[in-house]
Amino acid sequence: MKSNKENLYATIYELVRLIPEGRVTTYGSIAKALGLGSGARVVGFAMNASHTENVPAHRVVNRNGQLTGKHHFPTPTAMETLLKAEGVNVENDQIVDFEKHFWDPASLEGEI
């Protein structure tokens, strides 16, 4: 039987898998879409634990478009490399044209 934490992480992972290639979203946007209120930190913990779950965690950034989770990847540049491979430009650990690449999970309202 899964714990509440495992169930919550599984739900977060399902939503993160819906982020389209070449787009990014934020920890807070995921939390809000799932009704977690101020659960951005919980989403961050889930992303840190997601690397064995086939989750595109590289598409989740902070509210300013910064790659704050990069230190949880196998190398310090892995997150940036994955984003650039999807056409997302990154400079100094910051998404260039963040608004252009932002995907709002609230657009799925009623589907999640």
PDB file of N, CA and C in Angstrom:
ATOM      1  N   MET A   1       0.843  -1.181   0.000  1.00  0.00           N
ATOM      2  CA  MET A   1       0.000   0.000   0.000  1.00  0.00           C
ATOM      3  C   MET A   1       0.887   1.244   0.000  1.00  0.00           C
ATOM      4  N   LYS A   2       0.590   2.183  -0.867  1.00  0.00           N
ATOM      5  CA  LYS A   2       1.383   3.400  -0.976  1.00  0.00           C
ATOM      6  C   LYS A   2       1.053   4.374   0.145  1.00  0.00           C
ATOM      7  N   SER A   3       2.079   5.089   0.591  1.00  0.00           N
ATOM      8  CA  SER A   3       1.865   6.122   1.599  1.00  0.00           C
ATOM      9  C   SER A   3       1.257   7.352   0.934  1.00  0.00           C
ATOM     10  N   ASN A   4       0.768   8.277   1.746  1.00  0.00           N
ATOM     11  CA  ASN A   4       0.233   9.532   1.209  1.00  0.00           C
ATOM     12  C   ASN A   4       1.294  10.272   0.406  1.00  0.00           C
ATOM     13  N   LYS A   5       2.539  10.268   0.903  1.00  0.00           N
ATOM     14  CA  LYS A   5       3.639  10.931   0.195  1.00  0.00           C
ATOM     15  C   LYS A   5       3.863  10.288  -1.174  1.00  0.00           C
ATOM     16  N   GLU A   6       3.875   8.952  -1.214  1.00  0.00           N
ATOM     17  CA  GLU A   6       4.074   8.249  -2.489  1.00  0.00           C
ATOM     18  C   GLU A   6       2.936   8.558  -3.458  1.00  0.00           C
ATOM     19  N   ASN A   7       1.704   8.594  -2.956  1.00  0.00           N
ATOM     20  CA  ASN A   7       0.558   8.927  -3.810  1.00  0.00           C
ATOM     21  C   ASN A   7       0.659  10.354  -4.321  1.00  0.00           C
ATOM     22  N   LEU A   8       1.052  11.286  -3.451  1.00  0.00           N
ATOM     23  CA  LEU A   8       1.195  12.676  -3.851  1.00  0.00           C
ATOM     24  C   LEU A   8       2.285  12.821  -4.901  1.00  0.00           C
ATOM     25  N   TYR A   9       3.428  12.188  -4.676  1.00  0.00           N
ATOM     26  CA  TYR A   9       4.509  12.251  -5.653  1.00  0.00           C
ATOM     27  C   TYR A   9       4.070  11.655  -6.986  1.00  0.00           C
ATOM     28  N   ALA A  10       3.347  10.552  -6.964  1.00  0.00           N
ATOM     29  CA  ALA A  10       2.865   9.931  -8.205  1.00  0.00           C
ATOM     30  C   ALA A  10       1.955  10.891  -8.965  1.00  0.00           C
ATOM     31  N   THR A  11       1.102  11.616  -8.249  1.00  0.00           N
ATOM     32  CA  THR A  11       0.216  12.596  -8.885  1.00  0.00           C
ATOM     33  C   THR A  11       1.028  13.742  -9.487  1.00  0.00           C
ATOM     34  N   ILE A  12       2.013  14.216  -8.751  1.00  0.00           N
ATOM     35  CA  ILE A  12       2.888  15.279  -9.266  1.00  0.00           C
ATOM     36  C   ILE A  12       3.606  14.792 -10.522  1.00  0.00           C
ATOM     37  N   TYR A  13       4.120  13.570 -10.493  1.00  0.00           N
ATOM     38  CA  TYR A  13       4.840  13.024 -11.647  1.00  0.00           C
ATOM     39  C   TYR A  13       3.929  12.910 -12.872  1.00  0.00           C
ATOM     40  N   GLU A  14       2.681  12.513 -12.662  1.00  0.00           N
ATOM     41  CA  GLU A  14       1.732  12.426 -13.775  1.00  0.00           C
ATOM     42  C   GLU A  14       1.570  13.793 -14.440  1.00  0.00           C
ATOM     43  N   LEU A  15       1.449  14.824 -13.635  1.00  0.00           N
ATOM     44  CA  LEU A  15       1.281  16.168 -14.184  1.00  0.00           C
ATOM     45  C   LEU A  15       2.547  16.634 -14.892  1.00  0.00           C
ATOM     46  N   VAL A  16       3.697  16.387 -14.312  1.00  0.00           N
ATOM     47  CA  VAL A  16       4.954  16.817 -14.935  1.00  0.00           C
ATOM     48  C   VAL A  16       5.159  16.118 -16.273  1.00  0.00           C
ATOM     49  N   ARG A  17       4.729  14.886 -16.389  1.00  0.00           N
ATOM     50  CA  ARG A  17       4.849  14.169 -17.666  1.00  0.00           C
ATOM     51  C   ARG A  17       3.994  14.803 -18.769  1.00  0.00           C
ATOM     52  N   LEU A  18       3.039  15.651 -18.397  1.00  0.00           N
ATOM     53  CA  LEU A  18       2.186  16.319 -19.386  1.00  0.00           C
ATOM     54  C   LEU A  18       2.793  17.613 -19.928  1.00  0.00           C
ATOM     55  N   ILE A  19       3.869  18.082 -19.318  1.00  0.00           N
ATOM     56  CA  ILE A  19       4.507  19.314 -19.800  1.00  0.00           C
ATOM     57  C   ILE A  19       5.051  19.033 -21.197  1.00  0.00           C
ATOM     58  N   PRO A  20       4.626  19.801 -22.182  1.00  0.00           N
ATOM     59  CA  PRO A  20       5.093  19.543 -23.552  1.00  0.00           C
ATOM     60  C   PRO A  20       6.599  19.779 -23.708  1.00  0.00           C
ATOM     61  N   GLU A  21       7.199  19.034 -24.595  1.00  0.00           N
ATOM     62  CA  GLU A  21       8.608  19.225 -24.913  1.00  0.00           C
ATOM     63  C   GLU A  21       8.821  20.670 -25.361  1.00  0.00           C
ATOM     64  N   GLY A  22       9.894  21.269 -24.905  1.00  0.00           N
ATOM     65  CA  GLY A  22      10.198  22.648 -25.269  1.00  0.00           C
ATOM     66  C   GLY A  22       9.474  23.686 -24.432  1.00  0.00           C
ATOM     67  N   ARG A  23       8.758  23.242 -23.414  1.00  0.00           N
ATOM     68  CA  ARG A  23       8.026  24.139 -22.512  1.00  0.00           C
ATOM     69  C   ARG A  23       8.489  23.883 -21.092  1.00  0.00           C
ATOM     70  N   VAL A  24       8.239  24.829 -20.217  1.00  0.00           N
ATOM     71  CA  VAL A  24       8.586  24.692 -18.806  1.00  0.00           C
ATOM     72  C   VAL A  24       7.435  25.192 -17.950  1.00  0.00           C
ATOM     73  N   THR A  25       7.424  24.766 -16.706  1.00  0.00           N
ATOM     74  CA  THR A  25       6.475  25.288 -15.741  1.00  0.00           C
ATOM     75  C   THR A  25       7.204  25.459 -14.423  1.00  0.00           C
ATOM     76  N   THR A  26       6.478  25.904 -13.418  1.00  0.00           N
ATOM     77  CA  THR A  26       7.116  26.186 -12.140  1.00  0.00           C
ATOM     78  C   THR A  26       6.610  25.238 -11.051  1.00  0.00           C
ATOM     79  N   TYR A  27       7.400  25.167  -9.995  1.00  0.00           N
ATOM     80  CA  TYR A  27       7.012  24.366  -8.834  1.00  0.00           C
ATOM     81  C   TYR A  27       5.665  24.858  -8.299  1.00  0.00           C
ATOM     82  N   GLY A  28       5.529  26.169  -8.181  1.00  0.00           N
ATOM     83  CA  GLY A  28       4.306  26.760  -7.650  1.00  0.00           C
ATOM     84  C   GLY A  28       3.098  26.530  -8.528  1.00  0.00           C
ATOM     85  N   SER A  29       3.284  26.575  -9.847  1.00  0.00           N
ATOM     86  CA  SER A  29       2.168  26.343 -10.772  1.00  0.00           C
ATOM     87  C   SER A  29       1.652  24.919 -10.675  1.00  0.00           C
ATOM     88  N   ILE A  30       2.572  23.980 -10.485  1.00  0.00           N
ATOM     89  CA  ILE A  30       2.163  22.589 -10.314  1.00  0.00           C
ATOM     90  C   ILE A  30       1.390  22.443  -9.006  1.00  0.00           C
ATOM     91  N   ALA A  31       1.931  23.028  -7.941  1.00  0.00           N
ATOM     92  CA  ALA A  31       1.257  22.957  -6.634  1.00  0.00           C
ATOM     93  C   ALA A  31      -0.141  23.551  -6.720  1.00  0.00           C
ATOM     94  N   LYS A  32      -0.265  24.703  -7.345  1.00  0.00           N
ATOM     95  CA  LYS A  32      -1.564  25.374  -7.464  1.00  0.00           C
ATOM     96  C   LYS A  32      -2.538  24.521  -8.272  1.00  0.00           C
ATOM     97  N   ALA A  33      -2.079  23.955  -9.386  1.00  0.00           N
ATOM     98  CA  ALA A  33      -2.951  23.135 -10.233  1.00  0.00           C
ATOM     99  C   ALA A  33      -3.463  21.901  -9.496  1.00  0.00           C
ATOM    100  N   LEU A  34      -2.670  21.422  -8.541  1.00  0.00           N
ATOM    101  CA  LEU A  34      -3.061  20.225  -7.783  1.00  0.00           C
ATOM    102  C   LEU A  34      -3.747  20.567  -6.467  1.00  0.00           C
ATOM    103  N   GLY A  35      -3.970  21.858  -6.238  1.00  0.00           N
ATOM    104  CA  GLY A  35      -4.652  22.278  -5.026  1.00  0.00           C
ATOM    105  C   GLY A  35      -3.803  22.160  -3.776  1.00  0.00           C
ATOM    106  N   LEU A  36      -2.487  22.273  -3.943  1.00  0.00           N
ATOM    107  CA  LEU A  36      -1.588  22.146  -2.808  1.00  0.00           C
ATOM    108  C   LEU A  36      -1.301  23.482  -2.135  1.00  0.00           C
ATOM    109  N   GLY A  37      -1.949  24.538  -2.579  1.00  0.00           N
ATOM    110  CA  GLY A  37      -1.744  25.844  -1.962  1.00  0.00           C
ATOM    111  C   GLY A  37      -0.305  26.288  -2.059  1.00  0.00           C
ATOM    112  N   SER A  38       0.342  26.380  -0.930  1.00  0.00           N
ATOM    113  CA  SER A  38       1.739  26.813  -0.923  1.00  0.00           C
ATOM    114  C   SER A  38       2.673  25.608  -0.941  1.00  0.00           C
ATOM    115  N   GLY A  39       2.379  24.642  -1.781  1.00  0.00           N
ATOM    116  CA  GLY A  39       3.139  23.394  -1.833  1.00  0.00           C
ATOM    117  C   GLY A  39       4.279  23.349  -2.814  1.00  0.00           C
ATOM    118  N   ALA A  40       4.789  24.515  -3.233  1.00  0.00           N
ATOM    119  CA  ALA A  40       5.903  24.529  -4.195  1.00  0.00           C
ATOM    120  C   ALA A  40       7.090  23.733  -3.676  1.00  0.00           C
ATOM    121  N   ARG A  41       7.344  23.833  -2.391  1.00  0.00           N
ATOM    122  CA  ARG A  41       8.472  23.107  -1.796  1.00  0.00           C
ATOM    123  C   ARG A  41       8.257  21.598  -1.903  1.00  0.00           C
ATOM    124  N   VAL A  42       7.019  21.151  -1.718  1.00  0.00           N
ATOM    125  CA  VAL A  42       6.703  19.714  -1.836  1.00  0.00           C
ATOM    126  C   VAL A  42       6.962  19.255  -3.267  1.00  0.00           C
ATOM    127  N   VAL A  43       6.584  20.087  -4.237  1.00  0.00           N
ATOM    128  CA  VAL A  43       6.838  19.751  -5.642  1.00  0.00           C
ATOM    129  C   VAL A  43       8.343  19.659  -5.870  1.00  0.00           C
ATOM    130  N   GLY A  44       9.094  20.565  -5.279  1.00  0.00           N
ATOM    131  CA  GLY A  44      10.552  20.504  -5.380  1.00  0.00           C
ATOM    132  C   GLY A  44      11.114  19.219  -4.820  1.00  0.00           C
ATOM    133  N   PHE A  45      10.622  18.800  -3.661  1.00  0.00           N
ATOM    134  CA  PHE A  45      11.066  17.531  -3.067  1.00  0.00           C
ATOM    135  C   PHE A  45      10.736  16.368  -4.005  1.00  0.00           C
ATOM    136  N   ALA A  46       9.553  16.412  -4.605  1.00  0.00           N
ATOM    137  CA  ALA A  46       9.157  15.349  -5.536  1.00  0.00           C
ATOM    138  C   ALA A  46      10.078  15.324  -6.754  1.00  0.00           C
ATOM    139  N   MET A  47      10.425  16.503  -7.271  1.00  0.00           N
ATOM    140  CA  MET A  47      11.328  16.556  -8.430  1.00  0.00           C
ATOM    141  C   MET A  47      12.699  16.009  -8.058  1.00  0.00           C
ATOM    142  N   ASN A  48      13.166  16.314  -6.862  1.00  0.00           N
ATOM    143  CA  ASN A  48      14.465  15.803  -6.412  1.00  0.00           C
ATOM    144  C   ASN A  48      14.478  14.288  -6.343  1.00  0.00           C
ATOM    145  N   ALA A  49      13.336  13.691  -6.072  1.00  0.00           N
ATOM    146  CA  ALA A  49      13.232  12.235  -5.943  1.00  0.00           C
ATOM    147  C   ALA A  49      12.787  11.549  -7.230  1.00  0.00           C
ATOM    148  N   SER A  50      12.619  12.297  -8.300  1.00  0.00           N
ATOM    149  CA  SER A  50      11.972  11.777  -9.509  1.00  0.00           C
ATOM    150  C   SER A  50      12.902  11.114 -10.514  1.00  0.00           C
ATOM    151  N   HIS A  51      14.178  11.143 -10.299  1.00  0.00           N
ATOM    152  CA  HIS A  51      15.109  10.739 -11.354  1.00  0.00           C
ATOM    153  C   HIS A  51      15.095   9.256 -11.694  1.00  0.00           C
ATOM    154  N   THR A  52      14.384   8.456 -10.923  1.00  0.00           N
ATOM    155  CA  THR A  52      14.234   7.045 -11.276  1.00  0.00           C
ATOM    156  C   THR A  52      12.819   6.759 -11.789  1.00  0.00           C
ATOM    157  N   GLU A  53      12.038   7.801 -11.979  1.00  0.00           N
ATOM    158  CA  GLU A  53      10.623   7.638 -12.339  1.00  0.00           C
ATOM    159  C   GLU A  53      10.282   8.046 -13.777  1.00  0.00           C
ATOM    160  N   ASN A  54      11.289   8.298 -14.613  1.00  0.00           N
ATOM    161  CA  ASN A  54      11.059   8.736 -15.990  1.00  0.00           C
ATOM    162  C   ASN A  54      10.169   9.982 -16.030  1.00  0.00           C
ATOM    163  N   VAL A  55      10.576  10.988 -15.284  1.00  0.00           N
ATOM    164  CA  VAL A  55       9.855  12.251 -15.173  1.00  0.00           C
ATOM    165  C   VAL A  55      10.737  13.352 -15.764  1.00  0.00           C
ATOM    166  N   PRO A  56      10.208  14.191 -16.649  1.00  0.00           N
ATOM    167  CA  PRO A  56      11.013  15.271 -17.227  1.00  0.00           C
ATOM    168  C   PRO A  56      11.179  16.445 -16.253  1.00  0.00           C
ATOM    169  N   ALA A  57      11.857  16.185 -15.147  1.00  0.00           N
ATOM    170  CA  ALA A  57      12.034  17.182 -14.084  1.00  0.00           C
ATOM    171  C   ALA A  57      12.773  18.421 -14.575  1.00  0.00           C
ATOM    172  N   HIS A  58      13.520  18.288 -15.663  1.00  0.00           N
ATOM    173  CA  HIS A  58      14.246  19.446 -16.206  1.00  0.00           C
ATOM    174  C   HIS A  58      13.296  20.537 -16.696  1.00  0.00           C
ATOM    175  N   ARG A  59      12.036  20.207 -16.885  1.00  0.00           N
ATOM    176  CA  ARG A  59      11.050  21.184 -17.360  1.00  0.00           C
ATOM    177  C   ARG A  59      10.390  21.957 -16.218  1.00  0.00           C
ATOM    178  N   VAL A  60      10.838  21.736 -15.002  1.00  0.00           N
ATOM    179  CA  VAL A  60      10.267  22.424 -13.846  1.00  0.00           C
ATOM    180  C   VAL A  60      11.332  23.356 -13.261  1.00  0.00           C
ATOM    181  N   VAL A  61      11.002  24.641 -13.228  1.00  0.00           N
ATOM    182  CA  VAL A  61      11.943  25.672 -12.795  1.00  0.00           C
ATOM    183  C   VAL A  61      11.281  26.538 -11.726  1.00  0.00           C
ATOM    184  N   ASN A  62      12.025  27.487 -11.183  1.00  0.00           N
ATOM    185  CA  ASN A  62      11.404  28.349 -10.176  1.00  0.00           C
ATOM    186  C   ASN A  62      10.558  29.423 -10.838  1.00  0.00           C
ATOM    187  N   ARG A  63       9.890  30.225 -10.042  1.00  0.00           N
ATOM    188  CA  ARG A  63       8.915  31.204 -10.559  1.00  0.00           C
ATOM    189  C   ARG A  63       9.532  32.284 -11.423  1.00  0.00           C
ATOM    190  N   ASN A  64      10.859  32.412 -11.368  1.00  0.00           N
ATOM    191  CA  ASN A  64      11.550  33.399 -12.193  1.00  0.00           C
ATOM    192  C   ASN A  64      12.216  32.772 -13.413  1.00  0.00           C
ATOM    193  N   GLY A  65      12.004  31.465 -13.609  1.00  0.00           N
ATOM    194  CA  GLY A  65      12.601  30.783 -14.751  1.00  0.00           C
ATOM    195  C   GLY A  65      14.036  30.359 -14.518  1.00  0.00           C
ATOM    196  N   GLN A  66      14.460  30.310 -13.269  1.00  0.00           N
ATOM    197  CA  GLN A  66      15.822  29.909 -12.948  1.00  0.00           C
ATOM    198  C   GLN A  66      15.904  28.408 -12.707  1.00  0.00           C
ATOM    199  N   LEU A  67      17.041  27.835 -13.070  1.00  0.00           N
ATOM    200  CA  LEU A  67      17.258  26.394 -12.933  1.00  0.00           C
ATOM    201  C   LEU A  67      17.734  26.063 -11.517  1.00  0.00           C
ATOM    202  N   THR A  68      16.903  26.319 -10.541  1.00  0.00           N
ATOM    203  CA  THR A  68      17.293  26.130  -9.147  1.00  0.00           C
ATOM    204  C   THR A  68      17.439  24.659  -8.765  1.00  0.00           C
ATOM    205  N   GLY A  69      16.882  23.765  -9.539  1.00  0.00           N
ATOM    206  CA  GLY A  69      16.988  22.338  -9.237  1.00  0.00           C
ATOM    207  C   GLY A  69      18.152  21.651  -9.911  1.00  0.00           C
ATOM    208  N   LYS A  70      19.001  22.394 -10.595  1.00  0.00           N
ATOM    209  CA  LYS A  70      20.067  21.791 -11.404  1.00  0.00           C
ATOM    210  C   LYS A  70      21.035  20.931 -10.605  1.00  0.00           C
ATOM    211  N   HIS A  71      21.220  21.243  -9.331  1.00  0.00           N
ATOM    212  CA  HIS A  71      22.168  20.483  -8.523  1.00  0.00           C
ATOM    213  C   HIS A  71      21.652  19.093  -8.146  1.00  0.00           C
ATOM    214  N   HIS A  72      20.423  18.779  -8.506  1.00  0.00           N
ATOM    215  CA  HIS A  72      19.873  17.451  -8.243  1.00  0.00           C
ATOM    216  C   HIS A  72      19.975  16.526  -9.457  1.00  0.00           C
ATOM    217  N   PHE A  73      20.603  17.021 -10.517  1.00  0.00           N
ATOM    218  CA  PHE A  73      20.816  16.220 -11.720  1.00  0.00           C
ATOM    219  C   PHE A  73      22.209  15.593 -11.663  1.00  0.00           C
ATOM    220  N   PRO A  74      22.470  14.592 -12.504  1.00  0.00           N
ATOM    221  CA  PRO A  74      23.765  13.890 -12.450  1.00  0.00           C
ATOM    222  C   PRO A  74      24.988  14.802 -12.615  1.00  0.00           C
ATOM    223  N   THR A  75      24.845  15.854 -13.416  1.00  0.00           N
ATOM    224  CA  THR A  75      25.931  16.825 -13.580  1.00  0.00           C
ATOM    225  C   THR A  75      25.336  18.220 -13.451  1.00  0.00           C
ATOM    226  N   PRO A  76      26.156  19.220 -13.132  1.00  0.00           N
ATOM    227  CA  PRO A  76      25.643  20.586 -12.964  1.00  0.00           C
ATOM    228  C   PRO A  76      25.037  21.194 -14.233  1.00  0.00           C
ATOM    229  N   THR A  77      25.375  20.629 -15.398  1.00  0.00           N
ATOM    230  CA  THR A  77      24.862  21.187 -16.657  1.00  0.00           C
ATOM    231  C   THR A  77      23.782  20.319 -17.311  1.00  0.00           C
ATOM    232  N   ALA A  78      23.435  19.208 -16.686  1.00  0.00           N
ATOM    233  CA  ALA A  78      22.482  18.267 -17.304  1.00  0.00           C
ATOM    234  C   ALA A  78      21.119  18.904 -17.551  1.00  0.00           C
ATOM    235  N   MET A  79      20.612  19.658 -16.596  1.00  0.00           N
ATOM    236  CA  MET A  79      19.291  20.279 -16.745  1.00  0.00           C
ATOM    237  C   MET A  79      19.298  21.237 -17.932  1.00  0.00           C
ATOM    238  N   GLU A  80      20.314  22.067 -18.013  1.00  0.00           N
ATOM    239  CA  GLU A  80      20.444  23.012 -19.120  1.00  0.00           C
ATOM    240  C   GLU A  80      20.579  22.283 -20.452  1.00  0.00           C
ATOM    241  N   THR A  81      21.376  21.239 -20.486  1.00  0.00           N
ATOM    242  CA  THR A  81      21.582  20.468 -21.718  1.00  0.00           C
ATOM    243  C   THR A  81      20.265  19.872 -22.211  1.00  0.00           C
ATOM    244  N   LEU A  82      19.482  19.306 -21.300  1.00  0.00           N
ATOM    245  CA  LEU A  82      18.192  18.717 -21.675  1.00  0.00           C
ATOM    246  C   LEU A  82      17.236  19.779 -22.214  1.00  0.00           C
ATOM    247  N   LEU A  83      17.191  20.934 -21.574  1.00  0.00           N
ATOM    248  CA  LEU A  83      16.315  22.018 -22.040  1.00  0.00           C
ATOM    249  C   LEU A  83      16.749  22.519 -23.409  1.00  0.00           C
ATOM    250  N   LYS A  84      18.041  22.715 -23.590  1.00  0.00           N
ATOM    251  CA  LYS A  84      18.539  23.205 -24.880  1.00  0.00           C
ATOM    252  C   LYS A  84      18.250  22.207 -25.994  1.00  0.00           C
ATOM    253  N   ALA A  85      18.300  20.918 -25.683  1.00  0.00           N
ATOM    254  CA  ALA A  85      17.992  19.885 -26.679  1.00  0.00           C
ATOM    255  C   ALA A  85      16.535  19.969 -27.129  1.00  0.00           C
ATOM    256  N   GLU A  86      15.683  20.583 -26.303  1.00  0.00           N
ATOM    257  CA  GLU A  86      14.270  20.759 -26.630  1.00  0.00           C
ATOM    258  C   GLU A  86      13.984  22.147 -27.208  1.00  0.00           C
ATOM    259  N   GLY A  87      15.032  22.924 -27.441  1.00  0.00           N
ATOM    260  CA  GLY A  87      14.849  24.236 -28.044  1.00  0.00           C
ATOM    261  C   GLY A  87      14.640  25.375 -27.063  1.00  0.00           C
ATOM    262  N   VAL A  88      14.881  25.125 -25.778  1.00  0.00           N
ATOM    263  CA  VAL A  88      14.733  26.157 -24.758  1.00  0.00           C
ATOM    264  C   VAL A  88      16.112  26.764 -24.508  1.00  0.00           C
ATOM    265  N   ASN A  89      16.253  28.046 -24.778  1.00  0.00           N
ATOM    266  CA  ASN A  89      17.535  28.709 -24.577  1.00  0.00           C
ATOM    267  C   ASN A  89      17.711  29.056 -23.104  1.00  0.00           C
ATOM    268  N   VAL A  90      18.907  28.786 -22.606  1.00  0.00           N
ATOM    269  CA  VAL A  90      19.244  29.050 -21.210  1.00  0.00           C
ATOM    270  C   VAL A  90      20.541  29.843 -21.173  1.00  0.00           C
ATOM    271  N   GLU A  91      20.541  30.914 -20.398  1.00  0.00           N
ATOM    272  CA  GLU A  91      21.758  31.701 -20.190  1.00  0.00           C
ATOM    273  C   GLU A  91      21.910  31.971 -18.707  1.00  0.00           C
ATOM    274  N   ASN A  92      23.086  31.663 -18.165  1.00  0.00           N
ATOM    275  CA  ASN A  92      23.365  31.883 -16.745  1.00  0.00           C
ATOM    276  C   ASN A  92      22.293  31.259 -15.842  1.00  0.00           C
ATOM    277  N   ASP A  93      21.946  30.009 -16.151  1.00  0.00           N
ATOM    278  CA  ASP A  93      20.948  29.257 -15.369  1.00  0.00           C
ATOM    279  C   ASP A  93      19.574  29.905 -15.354  1.00  0.00           C
ATOM    280  N   GLN A  94      19.242  30.626 -16.403  1.00  0.00           N
ATOM    281  CA  GLN A  94      17.962  31.335 -16.516  1.00  0.00           C
ATOM    282  C   GLN A  94      17.349  31.034 -17.886  1.00  0.00           C
ATOM    283  N   ILE A  95      16.050  30.698 -17.918  1.00  0.00           N
ATOM    284  CA  ILE A  95      15.346  30.482 -19.180  1.00  0.00           C
ATOM    285  C   ILE A  95      15.235  31.828 -19.897  1.00  0.00           C
ATOM    286  N   VAL A  96      15.684  31.868 -21.143  1.00  0.00           N
ATOM    287  CA  VAL A  96      15.537  33.068 -21.964  1.00  0.00           C
ATOM    288  C   VAL A  96      14.111  33.064 -22.518  1.00  0.00           C
ATOM    289  N   ASP A  97      13.448  34.206 -22.484  1.00  0.00           N
ATOM    290  CA  ASP A  97      12.045  34.304 -22.919  1.00  0.00           C
ATOM    291  C   ASP A  97      11.162  33.335 -22.125  1.00  0.00           C
ATOM    292  N   PHE A  98      11.307  33.392 -20.824  1.00  0.00           N
ATOM    293  CA  PHE A  98      10.577  32.487 -19.924  1.00  0.00           C
ATOM    294  C   PHE A  98       9.083  32.473 -20.221  1.00  0.00           C
ATOM    295  N   GLU A  99       8.491  33.646 -20.410  1.00  0.00           N
ATOM    296  CA  GLU A  99       7.045  33.718 -20.646  1.00  0.00           C
ATOM    297  C   GLU A  99       6.645  32.955 -21.905  1.00  0.00           C
ATOM    298  N   LYS A 100       7.500  32.992 -22.907  1.00  0.00           N
ATOM    299  CA  LYS A 100       7.233  32.293 -24.172  1.00  0.00           C
ATOM    300  C   LYS A 100       7.221  30.776 -23.981  1.00  0.00           C
ATOM    301  N   HIS A 101       8.064  30.285 -23.102  1.00  0.00           N
ATOM    302  CA  HIS A 101       8.190  28.842 -22.887  1.00  0.00           C
ATOM    303  C   HIS A 101       7.309  28.318 -21.748  1.00  0.00           C
ATOM    304  N   PHE A 102       6.720  29.224 -20.992  1.00  0.00           N
ATOM    305  CA  PHE A 102       5.934  28.815 -19.825  1.00  0.00           C
ATOM    306  C   PHE A 102       4.673  28.070 -20.239  1.00  0.00           C
ATOM    307  N   TRP A 103       4.439  26.958 -19.568  1.00  0.00           N
ATOM    308  CA  TRP A 103       3.224  26.154 -19.756  1.00  0.00           C
ATOM    309  C   TRP A 103       2.490  26.136 -18.434  1.00  0.00           C
ATOM    310  N   ASP A 104       1.240  26.521 -18.457  1.00  0.00           N
ATOM    311  CA  ASP A 104       0.441  26.611 -17.230  1.00  0.00           C
ATOM    312  C   ASP A 104      -0.386  25.346 -17.052  1.00  0.00           C
ATOM    313  N   PRO A 105      -0.074  24.548 -16.027  1.00  0.00           N
ATOM    314  CA  PRO A 105      -0.848  23.322 -15.819  1.00  0.00           C
ATOM    315  C   PRO A 105      -2.321  23.604 -15.470  1.00  0.00           C
ATOM    316  N   ALA A 106      -2.631  24.826 -15.082  1.00  0.00           N
ATOM    317  CA  ALA A 106      -4.044  25.159 -14.814  1.00  0.00           C
ATOM    318  C   ALA A 106      -4.860  25.085 -16.088  1.00  0.00           C
ATOM    319  N   SER A 107      -4.203  25.095 -17.246  1.00  0.00           N
ATOM    320  CA  SER A 107      -4.924  24.968 -18.525  1.00  0.00           C
ATOM    321  C   SER A 107      -5.588  23.600 -18.641  1.00  0.00           C
ATOM    322  N   LEU A 108      -5.211  22.684 -17.786  1.00  0.00           N
ATOM    323  CA  LEU A 108      -5.793  21.334 -17.796  1.00  0.00           C
ATOM    324  C   LEU A 108      -6.940  21.212 -16.807  1.00  0.00           C
ATOM    325  N   GLU A 109      -7.414  22.325 -16.284  1.00  0.00           N
ATOM    326  CA  GLU A 109      -8.444  22.295 -15.255  1.00  0.00           C
ATOM    327  C   GLU A 109      -9.579  21.349 -15.645  1.00  0.00           C
ATOM    328  N   GLY A 110      -9.933  20.513 -14.712  1.00  0.00           N
ATOM    329  CA  GLY A 110     -10.971  19.526 -14.954  1.00  0.00           C
ATOM    330  C   GLY A 110     -10.418  18.203 -15.490  1.00  0.00           C
ATOM    331  N   GLU A 111      -9.161  18.214 -15.931  1.00  0.00           N
ATOM    332  CA  GLU A 111      -8.553  17.015 -16.473  1.00  0.00           C
ATOM    333  C   GLU A 111      -7.601  16.343 -15.485  1.00  0.00           C
ATOM    334  N   ILE A 112      -7.231  17.067 -14.437  1.00  0.00           N
ATOM    335  CA  ILE A 112      -6.278  16.501 -13.476  1.00  0.00           C
ATOM    336  C   ILE A 112      -6.925  16.337 -12.125  1.00  0.00           C
TER     337      ILE A 112
END
